[in-house]
Every structure is written in structure tokens, then in C-alpha cells.
Amino acid sequence: MGEIRKKISIASAEVNRVKENRKLTKRGRKNRALLQEECKSLSVTQLITYIEKQNFRLRKLKAAFGRKKRQEEVKSLNDQFRTDPGWVYARINQIVAEDPDNAHPKYKAASPAVEQSGGGKNMFEDIGEAEGFWRSLWEEQGSGDENVEWLKEIEEAIRQPVTEILTLSGIEFQSVTAT
């Protein structure tokens, strides 16, 4: 896209130079050589036609970029729906609640703050943020329910001794630990 804008700028400068009958500079000579390759003759009409063609290419690229961006938004919403459909429905209900009079509301992507709190990729920006999150969960007292039933079952299973029996082509071996 930058290359097309550069070509448009060069051609516009050349049109202005020709219209005002200004001298040809060193940079102008280089630019004129580039234009000579693109446009066979360097009349004002040829240059304006060239500029319009480049503008058309630029508009085409912009439209393609917009389509690609919308498709990426749709794909990310579909991925989010696969992983957490409840969050997507909650977001849609939030959009409807924001504008109850609108019969056909349009989906708006959530802001980064909303995505971090309710859904999205939930990724940490840096290691310090991740460390702070996990430290608050594991090291602070009272950050969870210690009397939850499933946790007691796991603690009991961990305390029970485990004997490991290996079978190798029909022969049983019992593992022994060295003391």
C-alpha cells in the first residue's frame, strides 16, 4: 500500500511540475525515469490517468483489507464460541441490553478490559503479571475454600501408599525402593 501511495505522490508532483513549468531537479529526474517506465509518455493526461489507476488499486487494497479484518473478527468470535459459548451469549445479551429499542443490533467486539475479565484469550502481558496472579492464589490465606469435599478426597488418595506391580511378558515384578 505504501508503494502505491509513493507512486501517486511522485506522479502528482510531476503533474504540478509540468503545469507550473518548473525546472527538473535530481530527484525529479529519478522520479521521472520511474514514471517513464510505468507510463509510456509523460503528458498531463497520461499522468492523471496513471494516478487514477493507482487510486483504484489503492481503493481495492483497502477494501480487501477491510474484508480480511472483518473475517478475522468473525473467526475469533467463532473460536470464542467453541471454547466458551456462555461468554458469547452474555456478550450478545449485553449488546441488546445497551440498546433495547434497536430491533437489529450489530455485534460489537468487547474492549480489551471486558475480554480480560470475562473471556477472550486471557493472556498475561508479562511474567510479573502472571506471577502476581498465581502468587495471590497459592500463597495468600483465605483465597479459597479449604473445606471443599473434592479436595479432601484428593488429599486422602495422596496419603495412601501406592505399590507398583510391573508385568513383563507374563512375569510379575514388584518394585522395590532402595534404602
N, C-alpha and C. Protein backbone atom coordinates (compact mmCIF):
# COMPACT_ATOMS: atom_id res chain seq x y z
N MET A 1 0.82 -1.18 0.00
CA MET A 1 0.00 0.00 0.00
C MET A 1 0.88 1.25 0.00
N GLY A 2 1.96 1.22 0.74
CA GLY A 2 2.87 2.35 0.79
C GLY A 2 3.52 2.63 -0.56
N GLU A 3 3.77 1.56 -1.31
CA GLU A 3 4.37 1.70 -2.64
C GLU A 3 3.40 2.42 -3.57
N ILE A 4 2.14 2.10 -3.49
CA ILE A 4 1.14 2.75 -4.36
C ILE A 4 1.02 4.23 -4.00
N ARG A 5 0.98 4.53 -2.72
CA ARG A 5 0.90 5.93 -2.30
C ARG A 5 2.13 6.72 -2.78
N LYS A 6 3.28 6.07 -2.73
CA LYS A 6 4.50 6.72 -3.20
C LYS A 6 4.40 7.04 -4.69
N LYS A 7 3.89 6.09 -5.47
CA LYS A 7 3.73 6.30 -6.91
C LYS A 7 2.76 7.44 -7.18
N ILE A 8 1.67 7.50 -6.42
CA ILE A 8 0.69 8.57 -6.59
C ILE A 8 1.34 9.92 -6.28
N SER A 9 2.10 9.97 -5.22
CA SER A 9 2.77 11.20 -4.82
C SER A 9 3.76 11.67 -5.89
N ILE A 10 4.53 10.75 -6.41
CA ILE A 10 5.52 11.08 -7.45
C ILE A 10 4.81 11.62 -8.70
N ALA A 11 3.73 10.94 -9.10
CA ALA A 11 3.00 11.37 -10.29
C ALA A 11 2.35 12.73 -10.07
N SER A 12 1.80 12.96 -8.88
CA SER A 12 1.17 14.26 -8.58
C SER A 12 2.21 15.37 -8.62
N ALA A 13 3.39 15.12 -8.07
CA ALA A 13 4.46 16.12 -8.09
C ALA A 13 4.88 16.43 -9.52
N GLU A 14 4.92 15.40 -10.36
CA GLU A 14 5.31 15.61 -11.76
C GLU A 14 4.24 16.40 -12.51
N VAL A 15 2.98 16.14 -12.22
CA VAL A 15 1.89 16.90 -12.85
C VAL A 15 2.02 18.37 -12.46
N ASN A 16 2.24 18.63 -11.17
CA ASN A 16 2.40 20.03 -10.72
C ASN A 16 3.61 20.68 -11.37
N ARG A 17 4.71 19.95 -11.51
CA ARG A 17 5.92 20.49 -12.12
C ARG A 17 5.67 20.85 -13.58
N VAL A 18 4.97 19.96 -14.30
CA VAL A 18 4.69 20.21 -15.72
C VAL A 18 3.74 21.39 -15.87
N LYS A 19 2.69 21.45 -15.02
CA LYS A 19 1.71 22.54 -15.12
C LYS A 19 2.36 23.90 -14.84
N GLU A 20 3.26 23.93 -13.86
CA GLU A 20 3.89 25.20 -13.47
C GLU A 20 5.18 25.47 -14.25
N ASN A 21 5.58 24.52 -15.10
CA ASN A 21 6.77 24.64 -15.94
C ASN A 21 8.02 24.93 -15.11
N ARG A 22 8.18 24.13 -14.03
CA ARG A 22 9.35 24.29 -13.17
C ARG A 22 10.51 23.47 -13.69
N LYS A 23 11.72 23.77 -13.16
CA LYS A 23 12.93 23.05 -13.56
C LYS A 23 12.87 21.61 -13.07
N LEU A 24 13.60 20.75 -13.72
CA LEU A 24 13.72 19.35 -13.34
C LEU A 24 14.89 19.20 -12.38
N THR A 25 14.66 18.70 -11.18
CA THR A 25 15.71 18.52 -10.18
C THR A 25 16.29 17.12 -10.28
N LYS A 26 17.32 16.84 -9.48
CA LYS A 26 17.91 15.49 -9.48
C LYS A 26 16.88 14.44 -9.07
N ARG A 27 16.17 14.73 -7.98
CA ARG A 27 15.14 13.80 -7.52
C ARG A 27 14.05 13.69 -8.59
N GLY A 28 13.71 14.82 -9.19
CA GLY A 28 12.70 14.83 -10.25
C GLY A 28 13.10 13.96 -11.42
N ARG A 29 14.40 13.96 -11.76
CA ARG A 29 14.88 13.11 -12.86
C ARG A 29 14.68 11.63 -12.53
N LYS A 30 15.04 11.26 -11.30
CA LYS A 30 14.86 9.85 -10.88
C LYS A 30 13.39 9.47 -10.91
N ASN A 31 12.56 10.35 -10.36
CA ASN A 31 11.12 10.07 -10.33
C ASN A 31 10.55 10.03 -11.75
N ARG A 32 11.04 10.91 -12.59
CA ARG A 32 10.56 10.94 -13.97
C ARG A 32 10.93 9.65 -14.69
N ALA A 33 12.11 9.11 -14.42
CA ALA A 33 12.53 7.85 -15.03
C ALA A 33 11.60 6.71 -14.58
N LEU A 34 11.24 6.71 -13.30
CA LEU A 34 10.30 5.70 -12.81
C LEU A 34 8.94 5.82 -13.50
N LEU A 35 8.48 7.05 -13.63
CA LEU A 35 7.20 7.27 -14.30
C LEU A 35 7.26 6.91 -15.77
N GLN A 36 8.39 7.15 -16.40
CA GLN A 36 8.56 6.85 -17.83
C GLN A 36 8.41 5.34 -18.06
N GLU A 37 8.88 4.52 -17.10
CA GLU A 37 8.72 3.07 -17.23
C GLU A 37 7.25 2.68 -17.11
N GLU A 38 6.54 3.33 -16.20
CA GLU A 38 5.13 3.00 -15.96
C GLU A 38 4.22 3.54 -17.07
N CYS A 39 4.38 4.84 -17.38
CA CYS A 39 3.59 5.50 -18.42
C CYS A 39 4.51 5.72 -19.61
N LYS A 40 4.09 5.35 -20.78
CA LYS A 40 4.98 5.45 -21.94
C LYS A 40 5.33 6.91 -22.26
N SER A 41 4.34 7.78 -22.21
CA SER A 41 4.63 9.20 -22.43
C SER A 41 4.22 9.98 -21.18
N LEU A 42 4.84 11.12 -20.96
CA LEU A 42 4.59 11.86 -19.73
C LEU A 42 3.82 13.15 -19.99
N SER A 43 2.64 13.00 -20.54
CA SER A 43 1.77 14.16 -20.67
C SER A 43 0.91 14.26 -19.42
N VAL A 44 0.29 15.39 -19.22
CA VAL A 44 -0.55 15.58 -18.04
C VAL A 44 -1.71 14.60 -18.05
N THR A 45 -2.31 14.38 -19.21
CA THR A 45 -3.44 13.43 -19.28
C THR A 45 -2.98 12.01 -18.94
N GLN A 46 -1.81 11.62 -19.45
CA GLN A 46 -1.28 10.29 -19.14
C GLN A 46 -1.01 10.15 -17.64
N LEU A 47 -0.44 11.19 -17.05
CA LEU A 47 -0.14 11.15 -15.62
C LEU A 47 -1.41 11.09 -14.77
N ILE A 48 -2.42 11.85 -15.16
CA ILE A 48 -3.69 11.83 -14.41
C ILE A 48 -4.35 10.47 -14.54
N THR A 49 -4.30 9.87 -15.72
CA THR A 49 -4.82 8.51 -15.90
C THR A 49 -4.06 7.53 -15.02
N TYR A 50 -2.75 7.67 -14.98
CA TYR A 50 -1.92 6.81 -14.14
C TYR A 50 -2.28 6.98 -12.65
N ILE A 51 -2.47 8.23 -12.23
CA ILE A 51 -2.84 8.49 -10.82
C ILE A 51 -4.19 7.84 -10.51
N GLU A 52 -5.14 7.96 -11.42
CA GLU A 52 -6.47 7.35 -11.19
C GLU A 52 -6.37 5.83 -11.10
N LYS A 53 -5.54 5.22 -11.94
CA LYS A 53 -5.35 3.76 -11.88
C LYS A 53 -4.75 3.36 -10.53
N GLN A 54 -3.77 4.14 -10.08
CA GLN A 54 -3.15 3.84 -8.79
C GLN A 54 -4.15 4.03 -7.64
N ASN A 55 -4.98 5.08 -7.73
CA ASN A 55 -6.02 5.28 -6.72
C ASN A 55 -7.00 4.12 -6.70
N PHE A 56 -7.34 3.61 -7.89
CA PHE A 56 -8.23 2.46 -7.97
C PHE A 56 -7.60 1.24 -7.28
N ARG A 57 -6.32 1.00 -7.57
CA ARG A 57 -5.62 -0.11 -6.91
C ARG A 57 -5.59 0.06 -5.40
N LEU A 58 -5.39 1.31 -4.95
CA LEU A 58 -5.36 1.60 -3.52
C LEU A 58 -6.72 1.33 -2.87
N ARG A 59 -7.80 1.77 -3.53
CA ARG A 59 -9.15 1.52 -3.01
C ARG A 59 -9.43 0.02 -2.94
N LYS A 60 -8.97 -0.71 -3.95
CA LYS A 60 -9.16 -2.16 -3.97
C LYS A 60 -8.43 -2.82 -2.80
N LEU A 61 -7.20 -2.39 -2.56
CA LEU A 61 -6.44 -2.94 -1.43
C LEU A 61 -7.09 -2.61 -0.09
N LYS A 62 -7.59 -1.39 0.04
CA LYS A 62 -8.26 -1.00 1.28
C LYS A 62 -9.51 -1.85 1.52
N ALA A 63 -10.28 -2.07 0.46
CA ALA A 63 -11.49 -2.89 0.59
C ALA A 63 -11.13 -4.32 0.98
N ALA A 64 -10.07 -4.86 0.36
CA ALA A 64 -9.64 -6.22 0.69
C ALA A 64 -9.17 -6.30 2.13
N PHE A 65 -8.47 -5.27 2.58
CA PHE A 65 -8.01 -5.23 3.98
C PHE A 65 -9.20 -5.21 4.93
N GLY A 66 -10.22 -4.41 4.60
CA GLY A 66 -11.42 -4.36 5.44
C GLY A 66 -12.13 -5.70 5.51
N ARG A 67 -12.25 -6.37 4.36
CA ARG A 67 -12.88 -7.70 4.33
C ARG A 67 -12.09 -8.68 5.18
N LYS A 68 -10.76 -8.65 5.03
CA LYS A 68 -9.91 -9.57 5.79
C LYS A 68 -10.06 -9.33 7.29
N LYS A 69 -10.10 -8.06 7.68
CA LYS A 69 -10.24 -7.73 9.10
C LYS A 69 -11.58 -8.21 9.65
N ARG A 70 -12.66 -8.00 8.88
CA ARG A 70 -13.98 -8.48 9.32
C ARG A 70 -13.99 -9.99 9.44
N GLN A 71 -13.35 -10.69 8.49
CA GLN A 71 -13.30 -12.15 8.55
C GLN A 71 -12.53 -12.62 9.78
N GLU A 72 -11.45 -11.91 10.13
CA GLU A 72 -10.69 -12.27 11.33
C GLU A 72 -11.55 -12.10 12.58
N GLU A 73 -12.36 -11.03 12.63
CA GLU A 73 -13.25 -10.82 13.77
C GLU A 73 -14.27 -11.95 13.86
N VAL A 74 -14.82 -12.36 12.72
CA VAL A 74 -15.80 -13.45 12.70
C VAL A 74 -15.15 -14.74 13.16
N LYS A 75 -13.94 -15.02 12.67
CA LYS A 75 -13.25 -16.25 13.07
C LYS A 75 -12.93 -16.25 14.56
N SER A 76 -12.51 -15.10 15.09
CA SER A 76 -12.20 -15.06 16.52
C SER A 76 -13.46 -15.24 17.35
N LEU A 77 -14.60 -14.70 16.89
CA LEU A 77 -15.86 -14.90 17.60
C LEU A 77 -16.27 -16.37 17.55
N ASN A 78 -16.10 -17.01 16.39
CA ASN A 78 -16.42 -18.44 16.27
C ASN A 78 -15.52 -19.28 17.18
N ASP A 79 -14.23 -18.94 17.24
CA ASP A 79 -13.32 -19.65 18.13
C ASP A 79 -13.74 -19.47 19.59
N GLN A 80 -14.11 -18.24 19.94
CA GLN A 80 -14.56 -17.95 21.30
C GLN A 80 -15.81 -18.75 21.61
N PHE A 81 -16.72 -18.86 20.63
CA PHE A 81 -17.96 -19.62 20.83
C PHE A 81 -17.65 -21.09 21.06
N ARG A 82 -16.65 -21.62 20.34
CA ARG A 82 -16.28 -23.03 20.53
C ARG A 82 -15.75 -23.27 21.94
N THR A 83 -14.96 -22.32 22.46
CA THR A 83 -14.34 -22.52 23.77
C THR A 83 -15.26 -22.13 24.91
N ASP A 84 -16.04 -21.06 24.74
CA ASP A 84 -16.88 -20.57 25.84
C ASP A 84 -18.17 -19.95 25.29
N PRO A 85 -19.16 -20.78 24.94
CA PRO A 85 -20.39 -20.24 24.36
C PRO A 85 -21.14 -19.33 25.34
N GLY A 86 -21.03 -19.59 26.62
CA GLY A 86 -21.72 -18.76 27.62
C GLY A 86 -21.26 -17.32 27.57
N TRP A 87 -19.96 -17.10 27.36
CA TRP A 87 -19.44 -15.74 27.29
C TRP A 87 -19.98 -15.01 26.07
N VAL A 88 -20.07 -15.74 24.94
CA VAL A 88 -20.58 -15.12 23.71
C VAL A 88 -22.04 -14.72 23.89
N TYR A 89 -22.86 -15.63 24.48
CA TYR A 89 -24.26 -15.30 24.71
C TYR A 89 -24.39 -14.13 25.68
N ALA A 90 -23.55 -14.11 26.71
CA ALA A 90 -23.58 -13.00 27.66
C ALA A 90 -23.24 -11.69 26.97
N ARG A 91 -22.26 -11.72 26.07
CA ARG A 91 -21.87 -10.51 25.34
C ARG A 91 -23.00 -10.04 24.43
N ILE A 92 -23.67 -10.97 23.77
CA ILE A 92 -24.79 -10.61 22.89
C ILE A 92 -25.93 -10.02 23.72
N ASN A 93 -26.23 -10.63 24.87
CA ASN A 93 -27.28 -10.08 25.74
C ASN A 93 -26.90 -8.70 26.25
N GLN A 94 -25.63 -8.47 26.51
CA GLN A 94 -25.16 -7.15 26.96
C GLN A 94 -25.37 -6.11 25.86
N ILE A 95 -25.09 -6.48 24.61
CA ILE A 95 -25.28 -5.56 23.49
C ILE A 95 -26.76 -5.22 23.33
N VAL A 96 -27.62 -6.21 23.46
CA VAL A 96 -29.07 -5.99 23.36
C VAL A 96 -29.54 -5.10 24.51
N ALA A 97 -29.01 -5.33 25.71
CA ALA A 97 -29.43 -4.54 26.87
C ALA A 97 -28.98 -3.08 26.75
N GLU A 98 -27.85 -2.82 26.09
CA GLU A 98 -27.36 -1.45 25.92
C GLU A 98 -28.27 -0.63 25.01
N ASP A 99 -28.92 -1.28 24.04
CA ASP A 99 -29.79 -0.58 23.11
C ASP A 99 -31.08 -1.38 22.93
N PRO A 100 -31.99 -1.32 23.90
CA PRO A 100 -33.20 -2.16 23.84
C PRO A 100 -34.17 -1.76 22.73
N ASP A 101 -34.11 -0.51 22.23
CA ASP A 101 -35.04 -0.07 21.20
C ASP A 101 -34.65 -0.55 19.80
N ASN A 102 -33.39 -0.96 19.63
CA ASN A 102 -32.90 -1.38 18.32
C ASN A 102 -33.38 -2.80 18.03
N ALA A 103 -34.13 -2.96 16.93
CA ALA A 103 -34.65 -4.28 16.56
C ALA A 103 -33.56 -5.17 15.97
N HIS A 104 -32.55 -4.57 15.35
CA HIS A 104 -31.47 -5.33 14.71
C HIS A 104 -30.12 -4.83 15.20
N PRO A 105 -29.73 -5.16 16.43
CA PRO A 105 -28.44 -4.67 16.94
C PRO A 105 -27.28 -5.37 16.24
N LYS A 106 -26.17 -4.67 16.10
CA LYS A 106 -24.98 -5.23 15.49
C LYS A 106 -24.01 -5.64 16.58
N TYR A 107 -23.31 -6.73 16.34
CA TYR A 107 -22.33 -7.22 17.32
C TYR A 107 -21.13 -6.29 17.34
N LYS A 108 -20.73 -5.89 18.54
CA LYS A 108 -19.53 -5.07 18.71
C LYS A 108 -18.54 -5.89 19.53
N ALA A 109 -17.32 -5.91 19.07
CA ALA A 109 -16.29 -6.65 19.81
C ALA A 109 -16.10 -6.00 21.17
N ALA A 110 -15.83 -6.84 22.15
CA ALA A 110 -15.63 -6.34 23.52
C ALA A 110 -14.30 -5.60 23.60
N SER A 111 -14.25 -4.64 24.48
CA SER A 111 -13.00 -3.92 24.70
C SER A 111 -12.01 -4.86 25.40
N PRO A 112 -10.72 -4.56 25.34
CA PRO A 112 -9.73 -5.44 25.98
C PRO A 112 -10.00 -5.65 27.48
N ALA A 113 -10.50 -4.64 28.18
CA ALA A 113 -10.78 -4.79 29.60
C ALA A 113 -11.90 -5.80 29.83
N VAL A 114 -12.93 -5.77 28.96
CA VAL A 114 -14.03 -6.71 29.09
C VAL A 114 -13.55 -8.11 28.77
N GLU A 115 -12.70 -8.24 27.74
CA GLU A 115 -12.21 -9.56 27.38
C GLU A 115 -11.37 -10.17 28.49
N GLN A 116 -10.56 -9.36 29.17
CA GLN A 116 -9.72 -9.90 30.23
C GLN A 116 -10.57 -10.36 31.41
N SER A 117 -11.65 -9.64 31.68
CA SER A 117 -12.45 -10.01 32.85
C SER A 117 -13.41 -11.15 32.55
N GLY A 118 -13.91 -11.25 31.32
CA GLY A 118 -14.95 -12.22 31.08
C GLY A 118 -14.65 -13.27 30.05
N GLY A 119 -13.71 -13.10 29.21
CA GLY A 119 -13.47 -14.07 28.16
C GLY A 119 -12.29 -13.67 27.33
N GLY A 120 -12.27 -14.13 26.11
CA GLY A 120 -11.15 -13.79 25.24
C GLY A 120 -10.00 -14.73 25.49
N LYS A 121 -8.81 -14.30 25.20
CA LYS A 121 -7.64 -15.16 25.31
C LYS A 121 -7.11 -15.24 26.73
N ASN A 122 -7.39 -14.26 27.59
CA ASN A 122 -6.93 -14.26 28.98
C ASN A 122 -5.45 -14.56 29.08
N MET A 123 -4.66 -13.80 28.40
CA MET A 123 -3.22 -13.99 28.45
C MET A 123 -2.60 -12.84 29.24
N PHE A 124 -1.51 -13.14 29.92
CA PHE A 124 -0.81 -12.14 30.70
C PHE A 124 0.09 -11.33 29.79
N GLU A 125 0.25 -10.07 30.13
CA GLU A 125 1.11 -9.19 29.34
C GLU A 125 2.59 -9.49 29.58
N ASP A 126 2.96 -9.76 30.84
CA ASP A 126 4.36 -10.06 31.14
C ASP A 126 4.42 -11.07 32.29
N ILE A 127 5.62 -11.53 32.60
CA ILE A 127 5.81 -12.55 33.62
C ILE A 127 5.45 -12.05 35.00
N GLY A 128 5.66 -10.75 35.26
CA GLY A 128 5.32 -10.18 36.57
C GLY A 128 3.82 -10.26 36.85
N GLU A 129 3.02 -10.01 35.82
CA GLU A 129 1.56 -10.08 35.98
C GLU A 129 1.13 -11.53 36.26
N ALA A 130 1.72 -12.49 35.55
CA ALA A 130 1.39 -13.89 35.76
C ALA A 130 1.81 -14.35 37.15
N GLU A 131 3.00 -13.94 37.56
CA GLU A 131 3.50 -14.31 38.88
C GLU A 131 2.58 -13.76 39.98
N GLY A 132 2.17 -12.50 39.84
CA GLY A 132 1.28 -11.90 40.83
C GLY A 132 -0.05 -12.62 40.91
N PHE A 133 -0.58 -13.03 39.76
CA PHE A 133 -1.85 -13.75 39.74
C PHE A 133 -1.75 -15.08 40.49
N TRP A 134 -0.73 -15.90 40.15
CA TRP A 134 -0.61 -17.21 40.78
C TRP A 134 -0.19 -17.09 42.24
N ARG A 135 0.63 -16.11 42.58
CA ARG A 135 1.05 -15.93 43.97
C ARG A 135 -0.18 -15.61 44.83
N SER A 136 -1.07 -14.77 44.32
CA SER A 136 -2.27 -14.43 45.10
C SER A 136 -3.16 -15.65 45.30
N LEU A 137 -3.14 -16.57 44.36
CA LEU A 137 -3.98 -17.76 44.51
C LEU A 137 -3.39 -18.77 45.50
N TRP A 138 -2.07 -18.98 45.44
CA TRP A 138 -1.47 -20.06 46.18
C TRP A 138 -0.87 -19.66 47.53
N GLU A 139 -0.44 -18.45 47.69
CA GLU A 139 0.28 -18.10 48.91
C GLU A 139 -0.56 -17.35 49.93
N GLU A 140 -1.62 -16.69 49.53
CA GLU A 140 -2.42 -15.93 50.49
C GLU A 140 -3.39 -16.84 51.22
N GLN A 141 -3.57 -16.57 52.49
CA GLN A 141 -4.53 -17.31 53.30
C GLN A 141 -5.94 -16.82 52.98
N GLY A 142 -6.89 -17.74 52.97
CA GLY A 142 -8.27 -17.37 52.76
C GLY A 142 -8.61 -17.05 51.32
N SER A 143 -7.79 -17.47 50.39
CA SER A 143 -8.10 -17.17 49.00
C SER A 143 -8.96 -18.25 48.36
N GLY A 144 -9.32 -19.28 49.11
CA GLY A 144 -10.17 -20.34 48.59
C GLY A 144 -10.87 -21.07 49.71
N ASP A 145 -11.72 -22.02 49.38
CA ASP A 145 -12.46 -22.82 50.36
C ASP A 145 -11.65 -24.08 50.66
N GLU A 146 -11.04 -24.13 51.85
CA GLU A 146 -10.19 -25.27 52.21
C GLU A 146 -11.00 -26.50 52.60
N ASN A 147 -12.27 -26.35 52.87
CA ASN A 147 -13.11 -27.47 53.31
C ASN A 147 -13.94 -28.06 52.18
N VAL A 148 -13.54 -27.85 50.98
CA VAL A 148 -14.29 -28.39 49.86
C VAL A 148 -14.10 -29.92 49.82
N GLU A 149 -15.16 -30.64 49.48
CA GLU A 149 -15.18 -32.10 49.57
C GLU A 149 -14.21 -32.77 48.60
N TRP A 150 -14.15 -32.32 47.37
CA TRP A 150 -13.28 -32.99 46.38
C TRP A 150 -11.81 -32.85 46.75
N LEU A 151 -11.45 -31.78 47.44
CA LEU A 151 -10.08 -31.59 47.86
C LEU A 151 -9.69 -32.61 48.93
N LYS A 152 -10.62 -32.92 49.84
CA LYS A 152 -10.35 -33.93 50.89
C LYS A 152 -10.13 -35.30 50.26
N GLU A 153 -10.91 -35.63 49.24
CA GLU A 153 -10.75 -36.93 48.58
C GLU A 153 -9.37 -37.03 47.92
N ILE A 154 -8.91 -35.98 47.33
CA ILE A 154 -7.60 -35.99 46.68
C ILE A 154 -6.50 -36.11 47.73
N GLU A 155 -6.62 -35.40 48.87
CA GLU A 155 -5.62 -35.49 49.92
C GLU A 155 -5.53 -36.91 50.47
N GLU A 156 -6.68 -37.59 50.63
CA GLU A 156 -6.69 -38.98 51.11
C GLU A 156 -6.01 -39.89 50.10
N ALA A 157 -6.28 -39.69 48.83
CA ALA A 157 -5.67 -40.53 47.79
C ALA A 157 -4.16 -40.33 47.76
N ILE A 158 -3.69 -39.13 48.02
CA ILE A 158 -2.25 -38.86 48.01
C ILE A 158 -1.56 -39.53 49.19
N ARG A 159 -2.23 -39.58 50.34
CA ARG A 159 -1.63 -40.16 51.55
C ARG A 159 -1.51 -41.68 51.48
N GLN A 160 -2.36 -42.34 50.70
CA GLN A 160 -2.34 -43.80 50.63
C GLN A 160 -1.09 -44.28 49.91
N PRO A 161 -0.44 -45.33 50.44
CA PRO A 161 0.75 -45.86 49.76
C PRO A 161 0.37 -46.54 48.45
N VAL A 162 1.20 -46.40 47.49
CA VAL A 162 0.95 -46.99 46.18
C VAL A 162 2.02 -48.03 45.93
N THR A 163 1.58 -49.25 45.70
CA THR A 163 2.53 -50.30 45.34
C THR A 163 2.44 -50.48 43.84
N GLU A 164 3.55 -50.56 43.23
CA GLU A 164 3.61 -50.64 41.78
C GLU A 164 4.00 -52.05 41.38
N ILE A 165 3.18 -52.67 40.57
CA ILE A 165 3.47 -54.02 40.09
C ILE A 165 3.64 -53.94 38.58
N LEU A 166 4.79 -54.39 38.13
CA LEU A 166 5.09 -54.38 36.71
C LEU A 166 4.98 -55.78 36.16
N THR A 167 4.41 -55.89 34.99
CA THR A 167 4.37 -57.21 34.34
C THR A 167 5.15 -57.09 33.05
N LEU A 168 6.01 -58.06 32.85
CA LEU A 168 6.84 -58.07 31.66
C LEU A 168 6.75 -59.46 31.05
N SER A 169 6.09 -59.57 29.97
CA SER A 169 5.87 -60.84 29.25
C SER A 169 5.45 -61.96 30.20
N GLY A 170 4.41 -61.67 30.99
CA GLY A 170 3.84 -62.69 31.85
C GLY A 170 4.50 -62.84 33.20
N ILE A 171 5.64 -62.23 33.47
CA ILE A 171 6.33 -62.35 34.75
C ILE A 171 6.03 -61.09 35.55
N GLU A 172 5.62 -61.29 36.81
CA GLU A 172 5.31 -60.14 37.64
C GLU A 172 6.51 -59.72 38.45
N PHE A 173 6.74 -58.42 38.53
CA PHE A 173 7.80 -57.83 39.32
C PHE A 173 7.18 -56.83 40.25
N GLN A 174 7.63 -56.79 41.47
CA GLN A 174 7.16 -55.75 42.39
C GLN A 174 8.31 -54.78 42.58
N SER A 175 7.99 -53.49 42.44
CA SER A 175 9.06 -52.51 42.54
C SER A 175 9.51 -52.39 43.97
N VAL A 176 10.80 -52.26 44.14
CA VAL A 176 11.38 -52.12 45.45
C VAL A 176 12.22 -50.86 45.48
N THR A 177 12.05 -50.12 46.52
CA THR A 177 12.86 -48.90 46.63
C THR A 177 14.05 -49.17 47.50
N ALA A 178 15.20 -48.65 47.11
CA ALA A 178 16.42 -48.86 47.87
C ALA A 178 16.46 -47.92 49.06
N THR A 179 16.96 -48.42 50.17
CA THR A 179 17.06 -47.58 51.38
C THR A 179 18.49 -47.31 51.71
